[in-house]
């Protein structure tokens, strides 16, 4: 009988990148349940949004930040994928600058926002109220998807994002 590889124990963050807000979710150290954490206002000029996410990762001693990569139903990258890749690269750079060992990984986020809207509607939340939390709920969906992939494969999910010259801060 072959033994399954052990997944690293530790907190992970999920990030749903939007043009207005960035949703952030967190999971327990055993990687069982993703929970919405907060939505951060985008700040493309000063990157204060990214610094807040890195601060959350450092305070929680996160081992991985999963950033949702928008894809079409056919599996090709959507128009928003470029922004998600840029944000992921900038997060990787900021983590390196902070001497963090956490890694950044991109993961397919197909239908995460649709699913989040459905969950909030079924919970009886009106459209106006949904706007306040939709990004966090989508981030939790992205993170939960990553956790399920980790468990089924026995290793980290998604595509590793390396820090480097292609992700200017």
N, C-alpha and C. Protein backbone atom coordinates (compact mmCIF):
# COMPACT_ATOMS: atom_id res chain seq x y z
N UNK A 1 0.84 -1.18 0.00
CA UNK A 1 0.00 0.00 0.00
C UNK A 1 0.88 1.25 0.00
N UNK A 2 0.67 2.14 -0.96
CA UNK A 2 1.48 3.35 -1.03
C UNK A 2 0.87 4.43 -0.15
N UNK A 3 1.73 5.18 0.46
CA UNK A 3 1.30 6.23 1.38
C UNK A 3 1.10 7.54 0.61
N UNK A 4 0.02 8.24 0.93
CA UNK A 4 -0.24 9.53 0.30
C UNK A 4 0.73 10.57 0.83
N UNK A 5 1.24 11.47 -0.04
CA UNK A 5 2.13 12.52 0.45
C UNK A 5 1.37 13.44 1.40
N UNK A 6 2.06 13.91 2.41
CA UNK A 6 1.44 14.80 3.39
C UNK A 6 1.42 16.23 2.85
N UNK A 7 0.28 16.86 2.96
CA UNK A 7 0.18 18.27 2.62
C UNK A 7 0.75 19.08 3.76
N UNK A 8 1.35 20.20 3.43
CA UNK A 8 1.85 21.09 4.47
C UNK A 8 0.70 21.64 5.28
N UNK A 9 0.87 21.67 6.57
CA UNK A 9 -0.13 22.25 7.46
C UNK A 9 0.12 23.75 7.50
N UNK A 10 -0.93 24.54 7.47
CA UNK A 10 -0.79 25.99 7.58
C UNK A 10 -1.95 26.73 6.97
N UNK A 11 -2.07 27.96 7.38
CA UNK A 11 -3.12 28.85 6.89
C UNK A 11 -2.85 29.20 5.43
N UNK A 12 -3.92 29.30 4.67
CA UNK A 12 -3.84 29.74 3.29
C UNK A 12 -4.84 30.89 3.12
N UNK A 13 -4.52 31.78 2.19
CA UNK A 13 -5.44 32.87 1.85
C UNK A 13 -5.94 32.65 0.43
N UNK A 14 -7.16 33.09 0.18
CA UNK A 14 -7.71 33.10 -1.17
C UNK A 14 -7.96 34.54 -1.55
N UNK A 15 -7.69 34.88 -2.81
CA UNK A 15 -7.85 36.27 -3.27
C UNK A 15 -8.66 36.29 -4.57
N UNK A 16 -9.70 37.11 -4.57
CA UNK A 16 -10.51 37.34 -5.76
C UNK A 16 -10.23 38.77 -6.23
N UNK A 17 -9.54 38.89 -7.35
CA UNK A 17 -9.12 40.20 -7.85
C UNK A 17 -10.23 40.84 -8.68
N UNK A 18 -10.57 42.06 -8.33
CA UNK A 18 -11.52 42.83 -9.11
C UNK A 18 -10.93 44.19 -9.44
N UNK A 19 -11.59 44.94 -10.28
CA UNK A 19 -11.07 46.26 -10.63
C UNK A 19 -11.41 47.29 -9.55
N UNK A 20 -12.44 47.02 -8.74
CA UNK A 20 -12.84 47.95 -7.69
C UNK A 20 -12.39 47.47 -6.32
N UNK A 21 -12.59 46.18 -6.06
CA UNK A 21 -12.23 45.59 -4.75
C UNK A 21 -11.51 44.28 -4.95
N UNK A 22 -10.78 43.88 -3.91
CA UNK A 22 -10.13 42.57 -3.87
C UNK A 22 -10.71 41.84 -2.67
N UNK A 23 -11.30 40.68 -2.93
CA UNK A 23 -11.84 39.87 -1.85
C UNK A 23 -10.76 38.98 -1.27
N UNK A 24 -10.79 38.80 0.04
CA UNK A 24 -9.79 37.97 0.72
C UNK A 24 -10.53 36.97 1.61
N UNK A 25 -10.07 35.72 1.58
CA UNK A 25 -10.61 34.66 2.43
C UNK A 25 -9.44 33.96 3.11
N UNK A 26 -9.75 33.24 4.18
CA UNK A 26 -8.73 32.54 4.96
C UNK A 26 -9.25 31.15 5.31
N UNK A 27 -8.34 30.22 5.53
CA UNK A 27 -8.75 28.90 6.00
C UNK A 27 -8.02 28.57 7.29
N UNK A 28 -8.50 27.55 7.95
CA UNK A 28 -7.87 27.06 9.17
C UNK A 28 -6.54 26.39 8.83
N UNK A 29 -5.65 26.19 9.80
CA UNK A 29 -4.34 25.59 9.53
C UNK A 29 -4.39 24.18 8.94
N UNK A 30 -5.50 23.47 9.16
CA UNK A 30 -5.64 22.13 8.60
C UNK A 30 -6.19 22.14 7.17
N UNK A 31 -6.52 23.32 6.67
CA UNK A 31 -7.00 23.44 5.29
C UNK A 31 -8.34 22.78 5.05
N UNK A 32 -9.24 22.90 6.02
CA UNK A 32 -10.54 22.24 5.89
C UNK A 32 -11.61 23.20 5.37
N UNK A 33 -11.68 24.39 5.95
CA UNK A 33 -12.77 25.30 5.63
C UNK A 33 -12.29 26.70 5.30
N UNK A 34 -12.71 27.20 4.14
CA UNK A 34 -12.41 28.58 3.75
C UNK A 34 -13.52 29.50 4.26
N UNK A 35 -13.11 30.64 4.78
CA UNK A 35 -14.05 31.61 5.35
C UNK A 35 -13.77 32.99 4.78
N UNK A 36 -14.82 33.73 4.37
CA UNK A 36 -14.60 35.11 3.91
C UNK A 36 -13.93 35.93 5.02
N UNK A 37 -12.98 36.77 4.63
CA UNK A 37 -12.25 37.57 5.61
C UNK A 37 -12.56 39.06 5.47
N UNK A 38 -12.32 39.59 4.28
CA UNK A 38 -12.54 41.03 4.07
C UNK A 38 -12.48 41.36 2.59
N UNK A 39 -12.95 42.55 2.26
CA UNK A 39 -12.79 43.11 0.92
C UNK A 39 -11.94 44.36 1.08
N UNK A 40 -10.98 44.50 0.19
CA UNK A 40 -10.05 45.62 0.24
C UNK A 40 -10.24 46.45 -1.02
N UNK A 41 -10.36 47.76 -0.86
CA UNK A 41 -10.51 48.66 -2.01
C UNK A 41 -9.24 48.61 -2.85
N UNK A 42 -9.39 48.44 -4.17
CA UNK A 42 -8.22 48.43 -5.07
C UNK A 42 -7.51 49.77 -5.02
N UNK A 43 -6.19 49.73 -5.09
CA UNK A 43 -5.36 50.93 -5.08
C UNK A 43 -4.19 50.70 -6.03
N UNK A 44 -4.46 50.83 -7.32
CA UNK A 44 -3.45 50.53 -8.33
C UNK A 44 -2.26 51.48 -8.29
N UNK A 45 -2.43 52.68 -7.75
CA UNK A 45 -1.33 53.65 -7.72
C UNK A 45 -0.32 53.35 -6.61
N UNK A 46 -0.82 53.10 -5.39
CA UNK A 46 0.10 52.91 -4.26
C UNK A 46 0.19 51.45 -3.80
N UNK A 47 -0.66 50.61 -4.36
CA UNK A 47 -0.70 49.19 -3.99
C UNK A 47 -0.96 48.94 -2.51
N UNK A 48 -1.68 49.86 -1.86
CA UNK A 48 -1.98 49.65 -0.44
C UNK A 48 -2.85 48.41 -0.24
N UNK A 49 -3.67 48.06 -1.26
CA UNK A 49 -4.49 46.86 -1.18
C UNK A 49 -3.62 45.61 -1.08
N UNK A 50 -2.57 45.57 -1.87
CA UNK A 50 -1.68 44.40 -1.86
C UNK A 50 -0.90 44.33 -0.56
N UNK A 51 -0.51 45.48 -0.06
CA UNK A 51 0.22 45.51 1.22
C UNK A 51 -0.66 45.02 2.37
N UNK A 52 -1.95 45.32 2.31
CA UNK A 52 -2.89 44.83 3.32
C UNK A 52 -2.98 43.30 3.25
N UNK A 53 -3.05 42.77 2.04
CA UNK A 53 -3.13 41.31 1.87
C UNK A 53 -1.86 40.65 2.40
N UNK A 54 -0.70 41.22 2.07
CA UNK A 54 0.57 40.66 2.56
C UNK A 54 0.62 40.75 4.08
N UNK A 55 0.13 41.85 4.64
CA UNK A 55 0.10 41.98 6.10
C UNK A 55 -0.77 40.88 6.72
N UNK A 56 -1.91 40.61 6.12
CA UNK A 56 -2.78 39.51 6.60
C UNK A 56 -2.02 38.18 6.53
N UNK A 57 -1.31 37.96 5.43
CA UNK A 57 -0.56 36.71 5.28
C UNK A 57 0.52 36.59 6.34
N UNK A 58 1.23 37.68 6.60
CA UNK A 58 2.31 37.65 7.59
C UNK A 58 1.75 37.46 9.00
N UNK A 59 0.68 38.17 9.33
CA UNK A 59 0.09 38.07 10.67
C UNK A 59 -0.45 36.67 10.94
N UNK A 60 -0.91 35.99 9.89
CA UNK A 60 -1.49 34.66 10.05
C UNK A 60 -0.48 33.56 9.75
N UNK A 61 0.76 33.96 9.41
CA UNK A 61 1.81 33.01 9.05
C UNK A 61 1.34 32.07 7.93
N UNK A 62 0.71 32.66 6.92
CA UNK A 62 0.16 31.89 5.80
C UNK A 62 1.28 31.21 5.01
N UNK A 63 0.97 30.02 4.50
CA UNK A 63 1.95 29.29 3.69
C UNK A 63 1.70 29.49 2.20
N UNK A 64 0.46 29.83 1.83
CA UNK A 64 0.11 30.01 0.43
C UNK A 64 -0.97 31.07 0.29
N UNK A 65 -0.84 31.86 -0.78
CA UNK A 65 -1.92 32.76 -1.19
C UNK A 65 -2.38 32.28 -2.56
N UNK A 66 -3.63 31.86 -2.64
CA UNK A 66 -4.22 31.44 -3.91
C UNK A 66 -4.94 32.63 -4.53
N UNK A 67 -4.54 32.99 -5.74
CA UNK A 67 -5.17 34.10 -6.47
C UNK A 67 -6.00 33.49 -7.59
N UNK A 68 -7.27 33.88 -7.65
CA UNK A 68 -8.15 33.36 -8.69
C UNK A 68 -7.74 33.85 -10.06
N UNK A 69 -7.66 32.91 -11.01
CA UNK A 69 -7.31 33.22 -12.40
C UNK A 69 -8.58 33.08 -13.24
N UNK A 70 -9.13 34.19 -13.72
CA UNK A 70 -10.37 34.13 -14.51
C UNK A 70 -10.17 33.37 -15.82
N UNK A 71 -11.03 32.38 -16.02
CA UNK A 71 -10.99 31.60 -17.25
C UNK A 71 -12.40 31.48 -17.81
N UNK A 72 -12.46 31.25 -19.11
CA UNK A 72 -13.76 31.03 -19.76
C UNK A 72 -14.19 29.59 -19.49
N UNK A 73 -15.42 29.27 -19.86
CA UNK A 73 -15.91 27.90 -19.68
C UNK A 73 -15.12 26.90 -20.52
N UNK A 74 -14.46 27.39 -21.55
CA UNK A 74 -13.64 26.52 -22.40
C UNK A 74 -12.23 26.33 -21.85
N UNK A 75 -11.92 27.01 -20.74
CA UNK A 75 -10.61 26.83 -20.12
C UNK A 75 -9.54 27.79 -20.59
N UNK A 76 -9.91 28.75 -21.43
CA UNK A 76 -8.94 29.76 -21.86
C UNK A 76 -9.03 30.95 -20.91
N UNK A 77 -7.96 31.70 -20.82
CA UNK A 77 -7.95 32.84 -19.90
C UNK A 77 -8.85 33.95 -20.42
N UNK A 78 -9.62 34.52 -19.51
CA UNK A 78 -10.51 35.62 -19.88
C UNK A 78 -9.72 36.93 -19.88
N UNK A 79 -10.37 38.01 -20.26
CA UNK A 79 -9.70 39.32 -20.32
C UNK A 79 -9.16 39.79 -18.99
N UNK A 80 -9.76 39.37 -17.90
CA UNK A 80 -9.32 39.79 -16.56
C UNK A 80 -8.10 39.02 -16.07
N UNK A 81 -7.70 38.00 -16.79
CA UNK A 81 -6.59 37.15 -16.34
C UNK A 81 -5.28 37.94 -16.25
N UNK A 82 -5.08 38.89 -17.14
CA UNK A 82 -3.85 39.69 -17.12
C UNK A 82 -3.72 40.45 -15.80
N UNK A 83 -4.82 41.03 -15.33
CA UNK A 83 -4.81 41.74 -14.06
C UNK A 83 -4.51 40.77 -12.91
N UNK A 84 -5.15 39.61 -12.91
CA UNK A 84 -4.91 38.62 -11.85
C UNK A 84 -3.45 38.18 -11.84
N UNK A 85 -2.88 37.95 -13.01
CA UNK A 85 -1.46 37.55 -13.09
C UNK A 85 -0.55 38.67 -12.56
N UNK A 86 -0.86 39.91 -12.91
CA UNK A 86 -0.05 41.04 -12.44
C UNK A 86 -0.13 41.17 -10.92
N UNK A 87 -1.33 41.06 -10.38
CA UNK A 87 -1.52 41.15 -8.92
C UNK A 87 -0.77 40.01 -8.24
N UNK A 88 -0.88 38.81 -8.77
CA UNK A 88 -0.20 37.66 -8.18
C UNK A 88 1.32 37.87 -8.17
N UNK A 89 1.87 38.40 -9.25
CA UNK A 89 3.30 38.67 -9.31
C UNK A 89 3.72 39.73 -8.30
N UNK A 90 2.90 40.75 -8.16
CA UNK A 90 3.20 41.81 -7.19
C UNK A 90 3.13 41.28 -5.76
N UNK A 91 2.15 40.42 -5.49
CA UNK A 91 2.06 39.80 -4.16
C UNK A 91 3.30 38.95 -3.88
N UNK A 92 3.75 38.19 -4.88
CA UNK A 92 4.95 37.37 -4.71
C UNK A 92 6.16 38.24 -4.40
N UNK A 93 6.29 39.37 -5.10
CA UNK A 93 7.40 40.30 -4.84
C UNK A 93 7.34 40.85 -3.42
N UNK A 94 6.15 41.28 -3.01
CA UNK A 94 6.00 41.85 -1.67
C UNK A 94 6.29 40.82 -0.58
N UNK A 95 5.91 39.58 -0.81
CA UNK A 95 6.20 38.51 0.16
C UNK A 95 7.71 38.30 0.29
N UNK A 96 8.41 38.29 -0.84
CA UNK A 96 9.87 38.14 -0.82
C UNK A 96 10.50 39.30 -0.07
N UNK A 97 10.04 40.52 -0.35
CA UNK A 97 10.57 41.70 0.33
C UNK A 97 10.31 41.65 1.83
N UNK A 98 9.26 40.94 2.23
CA UNK A 98 8.90 40.83 3.65
C UNK A 98 9.55 39.61 4.31
N UNK A 99 10.43 38.94 3.58
CA UNK A 99 11.10 37.72 4.07
C UNK A 99 10.11 36.62 4.44
N UNK A 100 9.02 36.54 3.73
CA UNK A 100 8.03 35.50 3.96
C UNK A 100 8.33 34.30 3.07
N UNK A 101 8.10 33.11 3.59
CA UNK A 101 8.29 31.89 2.82
C UNK A 101 7.00 31.48 2.10
N UNK A 102 5.94 32.27 2.26
CA UNK A 102 4.66 31.95 1.62
C UNK A 102 4.81 32.00 0.11
N UNK A 103 4.07 31.13 -0.55
CA UNK A 103 4.09 31.13 -2.01
C UNK A 103 2.77 31.66 -2.53
N UNK A 104 2.81 32.16 -3.76
CA UNK A 104 1.60 32.63 -4.44
C UNK A 104 1.33 31.66 -5.57
N UNK A 105 0.07 31.26 -5.69
CA UNK A 105 -0.32 30.32 -6.74
C UNK A 105 -1.60 30.82 -7.41
N UNK A 106 -1.67 30.66 -8.72
CA UNK A 106 -2.87 31.01 -9.48
C UNK A 106 -3.74 29.77 -9.60
N UNK A 107 -5.03 29.95 -9.44
CA UNK A 107 -5.95 28.81 -9.55
C UNK A 107 -7.19 29.23 -10.33
N UNK A 108 -7.67 28.32 -11.16
CA UNK A 108 -8.86 28.54 -11.97
C UNK A 108 -10.02 29.01 -11.10
N UNK A 109 -10.62 30.11 -11.48
CA UNK A 109 -11.74 30.64 -10.70
C UNK A 109 -13.03 30.67 -11.50
N UNK A 110 -13.15 29.80 -12.48
CA UNK A 110 -14.36 29.77 -13.29
C UNK A 110 -15.61 29.73 -12.43
N UNK A 111 -16.52 30.61 -12.68
CA UNK A 111 -17.83 30.67 -12.04
C UNK A 111 -17.81 31.01 -10.55
N UNK A 112 -16.68 31.47 -10.01
CA UNK A 112 -16.64 31.79 -8.57
C UNK A 112 -17.61 32.92 -8.21
N UNK A 113 -17.68 33.94 -9.05
CA UNK A 113 -18.58 35.06 -8.76
C UNK A 113 -20.04 34.65 -8.94
N UNK A 114 -20.31 33.83 -9.95
CA UNK A 114 -21.67 33.34 -10.18
C UNK A 114 -22.12 32.52 -8.98
N UNK A 115 -21.26 31.64 -8.52
CA UNK A 115 -21.56 30.80 -7.35
C UNK A 115 -21.77 31.66 -6.10
N UNK A 116 -20.93 32.67 -5.92
CA UNK A 116 -21.06 33.55 -4.76
C UNK A 116 -22.39 34.29 -4.79
N UNK A 117 -22.79 34.79 -5.97
CA UNK A 117 -24.08 35.47 -6.09
C UNK A 117 -25.23 34.53 -5.74
N UNK A 118 -25.16 33.28 -6.23
CA UNK A 118 -26.21 32.31 -5.95
C UNK A 118 -26.30 32.02 -4.45
N UNK A 119 -25.15 31.87 -3.80
CA UNK A 119 -25.14 31.60 -2.36
C UNK A 119 -25.78 32.75 -1.59
N UNK A 120 -25.43 33.96 -1.95
CA UNK A 120 -25.96 35.12 -1.24
C UNK A 120 -27.46 35.30 -1.49
N UNK A 121 -27.89 35.05 -2.74
CA UNK A 121 -29.32 35.13 -3.06
C UNK A 121 -30.11 34.09 -2.28
N UNK A 122 -29.58 32.86 -2.23
CA UNK A 122 -30.30 31.80 -1.50
C UNK A 122 -30.31 32.06 0.00
N UNK A 123 -29.37 32.88 0.48
CA UNK A 123 -29.36 33.27 1.90
C UNK A 123 -30.29 34.45 2.16
N UNK A 124 -30.96 34.93 1.09
CA UNK A 124 -31.92 36.01 1.24
C UNK A 124 -31.32 37.41 1.22
N UNK A 125 -30.10 37.53 0.74
CA UNK A 125 -29.44 38.83 0.72
C UNK A 125 -29.79 39.59 -0.57
N UNK A 126 -30.21 40.82 -0.41
CA UNK A 126 -30.58 41.67 -1.55
C UNK A 126 -29.34 42.09 -2.34
N UNK A 127 -29.56 42.45 -3.60
CA UNK A 127 -28.46 42.84 -4.49
C UNK A 127 -27.57 43.93 -3.94
N UNK A 128 -28.17 44.94 -3.34
CA UNK A 128 -27.40 46.06 -2.80
C UNK A 128 -26.50 45.59 -1.65
N UNK A 129 -27.03 44.72 -0.80
CA UNK A 129 -26.24 44.18 0.32
C UNK A 129 -25.14 43.25 -0.18
N UNK A 130 -25.41 42.55 -1.28
CA UNK A 130 -24.44 41.60 -1.83
C UNK A 130 -23.14 42.28 -2.22
N UNK A 131 -23.24 43.50 -2.75
CA UNK A 131 -22.04 44.20 -3.21
C UNK A 131 -21.00 44.35 -2.12
N UNK A 132 -21.44 44.45 -0.88
CA UNK A 132 -20.51 44.64 0.24
C UNK A 132 -19.68 43.40 0.53
N UNK A 133 -20.23 42.22 0.21
CA UNK A 133 -19.56 40.97 0.62
C UNK A 133 -19.23 40.02 -0.52
N UNK A 134 -19.69 40.32 -1.73
CA UNK A 134 -19.54 39.38 -2.84
C UNK A 134 -18.08 39.00 -3.10
N UNK A 135 -17.18 39.96 -3.00
CA UNK A 135 -15.76 39.69 -3.28
C UNK A 135 -15.17 38.72 -2.25
N UNK A 136 -15.56 38.89 -0.99
CA UNK A 136 -15.08 37.99 0.07
C UNK A 136 -15.61 36.58 -0.13
N UNK A 137 -16.89 36.48 -0.49
CA UNK A 137 -17.51 35.17 -0.69
C UNK A 137 -16.89 34.48 -1.91
N UNK A 138 -16.63 35.24 -2.97
CA UNK A 138 -15.96 34.68 -4.15
C UNK A 138 -14.55 34.20 -3.78
N UNK A 139 -13.84 34.97 -2.97
CA UNK A 139 -12.49 34.56 -2.52
C UNK A 139 -12.56 33.27 -1.72
N UNK A 140 -13.59 33.14 -0.88
CA UNK A 140 -13.76 31.90 -0.10
C UNK A 140 -14.03 30.72 -1.03
N UNK A 141 -14.80 30.94 -2.09
CA UNK A 141 -15.05 29.89 -3.08
C UNK A 141 -13.78 29.47 -3.79
N UNK A 142 -12.95 30.45 -4.15
CA UNK A 142 -11.67 30.17 -4.80
C UNK A 142 -10.78 29.35 -3.86
N UNK A 143 -10.70 29.78 -2.62
CA UNK A 143 -9.86 29.08 -1.64
C UNK A 143 -10.39 27.68 -1.36
N UNK A 144 -11.71 27.53 -1.21
CA UNK A 144 -12.27 26.20 -0.95
C UNK A 144 -11.97 25.25 -2.11
N UNK A 145 -12.07 25.77 -3.33
CA UNK A 145 -11.74 24.97 -4.52
C UNK A 145 -10.27 24.52 -4.46
N UNK A 146 -9.38 25.43 -4.08
CA UNK A 146 -7.96 25.09 -3.96
C UNK A 146 -7.75 24.02 -2.89
N UNK A 147 -8.42 24.16 -1.76
CA UNK A 147 -8.28 23.18 -0.67
C UNK A 147 -8.74 21.80 -1.11
N UNK A 148 -9.85 21.75 -1.84
CA UNK A 148 -10.36 20.47 -2.33
C UNK A 148 -9.41 19.85 -3.34
N UNK A 149 -8.81 20.68 -4.20
CA UNK A 149 -7.82 20.17 -5.15
C UNK A 149 -6.59 19.64 -4.42
N UNK A 150 -6.14 20.36 -3.39
CA UNK A 150 -4.99 19.90 -2.60
C UNK A 150 -5.27 18.51 -2.03
N UNK A 151 -6.43 18.35 -1.45
CA UNK A 151 -6.77 17.07 -0.83
C UNK A 151 -6.85 15.94 -1.85
N UNK A 152 -7.45 16.21 -3.01
CA UNK A 152 -7.61 15.16 -4.01
C UNK A 152 -6.29 14.79 -4.68
N UNK A 153 -5.38 15.75 -4.80
CA UNK A 153 -4.10 15.50 -5.48
C UNK A 153 -2.95 15.22 -4.53
N UNK A 154 -3.11 15.64 -3.28
CA UNK A 154 -2.04 15.42 -2.31
C UNK A 154 -0.90 16.42 -2.42
N UNK A 155 -1.13 17.51 -3.15
CA UNK A 155 -0.10 18.55 -3.28
C UNK A 155 -0.78 19.89 -3.52
N UNK A 156 0.00 20.96 -3.51
CA UNK A 156 -0.55 22.30 -3.73
C UNK A 156 -1.25 22.37 -5.09
N UNK A 157 -2.29 23.17 -5.15
CA UNK A 157 -3.07 23.31 -6.37
C UNK A 157 -2.57 24.50 -7.19
N UNK A 158 -2.92 24.49 -8.46
CA UNK A 158 -2.66 25.65 -9.30
C UNK A 158 -1.23 25.80 -9.78
N UNK A 159 -0.96 27.00 -10.25
CA UNK A 159 0.31 27.35 -10.90
C UNK A 159 1.11 28.30 -10.00
N UNK A 160 2.36 27.94 -9.75
CA UNK A 160 3.22 28.77 -8.90
C UNK A 160 3.55 30.09 -9.60
N UNK A 161 3.55 31.16 -8.83
CA UNK A 161 3.92 32.48 -9.33
C UNK A 161 5.25 32.86 -8.70
N UNK A 162 6.24 33.10 -9.53
CA UNK A 162 7.57 33.46 -9.03
C UNK A 162 7.68 34.98 -8.92
N UNK A 163 8.37 35.42 -7.89
CA UNK A 163 8.69 36.84 -7.78
C UNK A 163 9.75 37.15 -8.83
N UNK A 164 9.75 38.38 -9.29
CA UNK A 164 10.79 38.70 -10.26
C UNK A 164 10.53 39.97 -11.02
N UNK A 165 11.33 40.21 -12.05
CA UNK A 165 11.30 41.47 -12.79
C UNK A 165 10.03 41.70 -13.59
N UNK A 166 9.23 40.66 -13.84
CA UNK A 166 8.02 40.83 -14.65
C UNK A 166 6.84 41.35 -13.86
N UNK A 167 7.02 41.58 -12.57
CA UNK A 167 5.89 42.03 -11.75
C UNK A 167 6.26 43.30 -10.99
N UNK A 168 6.29 44.40 -11.70
CA UNK A 168 6.69 45.68 -11.10
C UNK A 168 5.70 46.12 -10.04
N UNK A 169 6.23 46.66 -8.95
CA UNK A 169 5.38 47.15 -7.86
C UNK A 169 5.30 48.66 -7.93
